[in-house]
């Protein structure tokens, strides 16, 4: 079996969201022979949070997932992820194809698909996105005085690294990747905690307040986490 791939995919990171553990492990083993790094996720309701941590170059996404189906997952991922998403599912109907593209998918393969065909699609998708941004720019984001590097779980203020809890880092990253956009409490609960907001819980509010205070204490003045009453939160930078 020939596992040779083009240089475009060297050391690329893939997040594989597939609940069939046998298939997932077989595909992971095949792709890792081709210089890919593959992170496995087995539930739909864990995909968005893992994407923020992993910052993959490409996502392979099943449709029939426990916790949340692939279409809902893809819609959520597009709040923070601009890279290619390859749907891999057992349903090959035209309606399913259209649904995948309508929620932000870039390609669609029906099972059973050979590892070679999946790999060829990955190469094509990576080639298409090569000219958008370099990998380093996708994995490092600066807004005002704040820089986050998700792949290293690192946050800097004016070039000096600061200490944040895991949740604080994920929350700040989510806000920064959506600068200027209001994120509702429901958005935050779904993306970071994998569950619906019940309308009364205030744990995220408390932790967001602590994050805001911590940034201010570190000298952040040009970047603000604002409360939009009745809606949610947004991060903005003063020019």
Protein backbone atom coordinates (compact mmCIF):
# COMPACT_ATOMS: atom_id res chain seq x y z
CA UNK A 1 0.00 0.00 0.00
CA UNK A 2 1.46 3.34 -1.05
CA UNK A 3 1.25 6.01 1.65
CA UNK A 4 3.21 8.70 -0.17
CA UNK A 5 1.70 12.16 0.08
CA UNK A 6 2.53 15.61 -1.20
CA UNK A 7 4.64 18.09 0.72
CA UNK A 8 1.61 20.28 1.41
CA UNK A 9 0.38 17.92 4.12
CA UNK A 10 3.68 17.47 5.99
CA UNK A 11 3.08 17.51 9.73
CA UNK A 12 -0.50 18.72 9.27
CA UNK A 13 -2.83 18.26 12.25
CA UNK A 14 -6.18 16.52 11.74
CA UNK A 15 -9.08 16.25 14.16
CA UNK A 16 -11.03 13.06 13.42
CA UNK A 17 -14.59 13.15 14.83
CA UNK A 18 -15.85 9.59 14.42
CA UNK A 19 -17.70 7.43 16.95
CA UNK A 20 -16.77 4.10 15.31
CA UNK A 21 -13.59 3.45 17.29
CA UNK A 22 -12.37 0.67 15.01
CA UNK A 23 -12.72 2.80 11.89
CA UNK A 24 -11.26 5.81 13.69
CA UNK A 25 -8.18 3.87 14.81
CA UNK A 26 -7.62 2.36 11.35
CA UNK A 27 -7.87 5.74 9.67
CA UNK A 28 -5.65 7.36 12.31
CA UNK A 29 -2.96 4.72 11.76
CA UNK A 30 -3.09 5.16 7.99
CA UNK A 31 -2.94 8.95 8.05
CA UNK A 32 -0.15 9.06 10.63
CA UNK A 33 2.00 7.03 8.22
CA UNK A 34 1.59 10.01 5.88
CA UNK A 35 3.09 12.55 8.32
CA UNK A 36 -0.27 13.67 9.71
CA UNK A 37 -0.91 14.09 13.41
CA UNK A 38 -4.39 12.78 14.17
CA UNK A 39 -6.45 13.63 17.26
CA UNK A 40 -9.48 11.40 17.82
CA UNK A 41 -12.82 12.69 19.14
CA UNK A 42 -15.67 10.20 19.61
CA UNK A 43 -18.63 12.45 20.49
CA UNK A 44 -20.23 15.35 18.66
CA UNK A 45 -20.69 17.38 21.82
CA UNK A 46 -16.93 17.28 22.46
CA UNK A 47 -15.82 18.50 19.04
CA UNK A 48 -15.98 22.28 19.44
CA UNK A 49 -14.05 22.33 22.69
CA UNK A 50 -11.37 20.02 21.28
CA UNK A 51 -11.06 22.16 18.17
CA UNK A 52 -10.20 25.20 20.30
CA UNK A 53 -7.48 23.19 22.07
CA UNK A 54 -6.08 21.38 19.04
CA UNK A 55 -6.36 24.10 16.35
CA UNK A 56 -6.30 21.48 13.57
CA UNK A 57 -5.39 22.12 9.95
CA UNK A 58 -8.32 19.96 8.84
CA UNK A 59 -11.33 18.26 10.44
CA UNK A 60 -12.88 14.95 9.37
CA UNK A 61 -16.46 14.83 10.61
CA UNK A 62 -18.98 12.00 10.78
CA UNK A 63 -22.71 12.82 10.75
CA UNK A 64 -24.22 10.14 13.00
CA UNK A 65 -22.47 11.06 16.24
CA UNK A 66 -23.55 10.60 19.87
CA UNK A 67 -24.27 13.79 21.79
CA UNK A 68 -24.75 15.99 18.71
CA UNK A 69 -25.02 15.21 15.01
CA UNK A 70 -22.35 16.27 12.55
CA UNK A 71 -24.41 19.04 10.97
CA UNK A 72 -24.93 20.79 14.31
CA UNK A 73 -21.27 20.24 15.13
CA UNK A 74 -20.15 21.80 11.85
CA UNK A 75 -22.37 24.82 12.40
CA UNK A 76 -20.83 25.33 15.86
CA UNK A 77 -17.29 24.79 14.64
CA UNK A 78 -17.65 27.58 12.10
CA UNK A 79 -17.91 30.09 14.98
CA UNK A 80 -14.19 29.60 15.67
CA UNK A 81 -12.77 27.52 12.83
CA UNK A 82 -12.10 28.57 9.23
CA UNK A 83 -10.13 25.53 8.04
CA UNK A 84 -11.42 22.71 5.81
CA UNK A 85 -14.06 20.27 7.07
CA UNK A 86 -14.43 16.91 5.32
CA UNK A 87 -17.69 15.06 5.98
CA UNK A 88 -17.35 11.27 6.09
CA UNK A 89 -20.65 9.47 6.52
CA UNK A 90 -22.67 6.44 5.46
CA UNK A 91 -25.49 8.41 3.79
CA UNK A 92 -24.80 9.26 0.16
CA UNK A 93 -28.03 11.05 -0.75
CA UNK A 94 -28.04 14.39 -2.54
CA UNK A 95 -29.98 15.94 0.35
CA UNK A 96 -27.26 14.92 2.80
CA UNK A 97 -24.58 16.37 0.52
CA UNK A 98 -26.41 19.67 0.29
CA UNK A 99 -26.99 19.77 4.05
CA UNK A 100 -23.27 19.28 4.66
CA UNK A 101 -22.32 22.14 2.37
CA UNK A 102 -25.04 24.41 3.75
CA UNK A 103 -23.64 24.18 7.29
CA UNK A 104 -20.09 24.91 6.18
CA UNK A 105 -18.60 21.63 4.98
CA UNK A 106 -15.97 21.68 2.22
CA UNK A 107 -16.14 18.09 0.96
CA UNK A 108 -18.30 14.98 1.41
CA UNK A 109 -17.31 11.32 1.16
CA UNK A 110 -19.65 8.36 1.62
CA UNK A 111 -18.60 5.28 3.56
CA UNK A 112 -17.08 2.94 2.81
CA UNK A 113 -14.30 5.13 1.40
CA UNK A 114 -10.78 3.79 1.01
CA UNK A 115 -7.96 5.38 3.03
CA UNK A 116 -6.34 6.36 -0.28
CA UNK A 117 -9.44 8.28 -1.39
CA UNK A 118 -9.77 9.98 1.99
CA UNK A 119 -6.08 10.92 1.89
CA UNK A 120 -6.44 12.32 -1.64
CA UNK A 121 -9.34 14.50 -0.52
CA UNK A 122 -7.32 15.73 2.45
CA UNK A 123 -4.45 16.71 0.15
CA UNK A 124 -6.81 18.59 -2.18
CA UNK A 125 -8.41 20.48 0.72
CA UNK A 126 -5.06 21.42 2.22
CA UNK A 127 -3.81 22.67 -1.15
CA UNK A 128 -6.90 24.89 -1.50
CA UNK A 129 -6.34 26.48 1.90
CA UNK A 130 -2.55 26.83 1.66
CA UNK A 131 -2.74 30.40 0.35
CA UNK A 132 -5.13 31.68 3.04
CA UNK A 133 -2.95 31.83 6.09
CA UNK A 134 0.26 30.19 7.16
CA UNK A 135 -0.02 27.65 9.95
CA UNK A 136 1.68 29.96 12.43
CA UNK A 137 -0.83 32.74 11.89
CA UNK A 138 -3.75 30.34 12.35
CA UNK A 139 -2.29 29.18 15.64
CA UNK A 140 -1.46 32.61 17.01
CA UNK A 141 -3.92 35.45 17.42
CA UNK A 142 -3.34 38.97 18.70
CA UNK A 143 -6.06 41.43 19.67
CA UNK A 144 -4.89 44.68 21.25
CA UNK A 145 -2.28 43.86 23.90
CA UNK A 146 -3.31 40.20 24.16
CA UNK A 147 -1.85 37.28 22.21
CA UNK A 148 -3.02 33.68 22.50
CA UNK A 149 -1.25 30.62 21.11
CA UNK A 150 -3.84 27.81 21.39
CA UNK A 151 -1.46 25.01 20.37
CA UNK A 152 0.69 25.86 23.40
CA UNK A 153 -2.11 26.98 25.74
CA UNK A 154 -0.16 30.22 26.14
CA UNK A 155 -1.38 33.77 26.70
CA UNK A 156 0.75 36.91 26.59
CA UNK A 157 0.02 40.52 27.48
CA UNK A 158 2.38 42.97 25.79
CA UNK A 159 4.77 40.08 25.13
CA UNK A 160 4.81 38.83 28.73
CA UNK A 161 3.27 35.42 29.44
CA UNK A 162 0.49 35.39 32.03
CA UNK A 163 -1.10 32.53 33.94
CA UNK A 164 -4.69 31.52 33.14
CA UNK A 165 -6.72 28.49 34.12
CA UNK A 166 -7.68 26.07 31.34
CA UNK A 167 -11.25 27.40 31.23
CA UNK A 168 -10.09 31.04 31.33
CA UNK A 169 -7.76 30.37 28.41
CA UNK A 170 -10.47 28.63 26.38
CA UNK A 171 -12.95 31.40 27.15
CA UNK A 172 -10.50 34.16 26.19
CA UNK A 173 -9.55 32.33 22.98
CA UNK A 174 -13.20 31.92 22.04
CA UNK A 175 -13.85 35.62 22.56
CA UNK A 176 -10.72 36.63 20.63
CA UNK A 177 -11.53 34.42 17.64
CA UNK A 178 -14.91 36.18 17.58
CA UNK A 179 -13.71 39.75 18.24
CA UNK A 180 -16.54 42.23 17.78
CA UNK A 181 -19.18 39.51 17.76
CA UNK A 182 -21.63 38.99 20.61
CA UNK A 183 -21.43 35.48 22.06
CA UNK A 184 -24.49 34.47 24.02
CA UNK A 185 -24.30 32.47 27.23
CA UNK A 186 -25.80 29.57 25.26
CA UNK A 187 -22.96 29.84 22.70
CA UNK A 188 -20.36 29.69 25.47
CA UNK A 189 -21.99 26.79 27.31
CA UNK A 190 -22.34 24.74 24.13
CA UNK A 191 -18.83 25.42 22.81
CA UNK A 192 -16.87 25.20 26.05
CA UNK A 193 -18.95 22.98 28.31
CA UNK A 194 -20.78 20.85 25.76
CA UNK A 195 -24.24 21.49 27.21
CA UNK A 196 -27.17 23.85 26.95
CA UNK A 197 -27.42 26.96 29.14
CA UNK A 198 -30.29 26.42 31.58
CA UNK A 199 -31.21 30.10 31.82
CA UNK A 200 -30.19 30.60 35.43
CA UNK A 201 -26.71 29.21 36.05
CA UNK A 202 -24.07 31.91 36.61
CA UNK A 203 -20.82 29.94 36.78
CA UNK A 204 -19.62 31.25 33.41
CA UNK A 205 -20.51 34.81 34.42
CA UNK A 206 -18.40 34.49 37.56
CA UNK A 207 -15.42 33.04 35.73
CA UNK A 208 -15.69 35.62 32.97
CA UNK A 209 -15.66 38.38 35.60
CA UNK A 210 -12.51 36.87 37.11
CA UNK A 211 -10.89 36.70 33.69
CA UNK A 212 -11.73 40.34 33.04
CA UNK A 213 -10.26 41.38 36.41
CA UNK A 214 -7.13 39.32 35.81
CA UNK A 215 -6.51 40.95 32.42
CA UNK A 216 -6.98 44.43 33.87
CA UNK A 217 -4.56 43.61 36.70
CA UNK A 218 -1.99 42.59 34.08
CA UNK A 219 -2.19 46.00 32.43
CA UNK A 220 -4.71 45.38 29.66
CA UNK A 221 -6.37 48.68 28.78
CA UNK A 222 -6.91 48.60 25.00
CA UNK A 223 -8.87 45.35 24.92
CA UNK A 224 -12.17 44.96 26.75
CA UNK A 225 -14.59 42.15 27.49
CA UNK A 226 -17.95 43.87 27.40
CA UNK A 227 -21.27 42.69 28.77
CA UNK A 228 -24.10 43.20 26.30
CA UNK A 229 -27.13 43.19 28.57
CA UNK A 230 -29.78 40.69 27.57
CA UNK A 231 -27.52 39.16 24.92
CA UNK A 232 -24.11 38.03 26.11
CA UNK A 233 -20.48 39.09 25.85
CA UNK A 234 -18.11 40.45 23.25
CA UNK A 235 -14.44 41.33 23.09
CA UNK A 236 -13.42 44.62 21.50
CA UNK A 237 -10.13 46.43 20.96
CA UNK A 238 -9.79 50.22 21.11
CA UNK A 239 -7.91 51.63 18.13
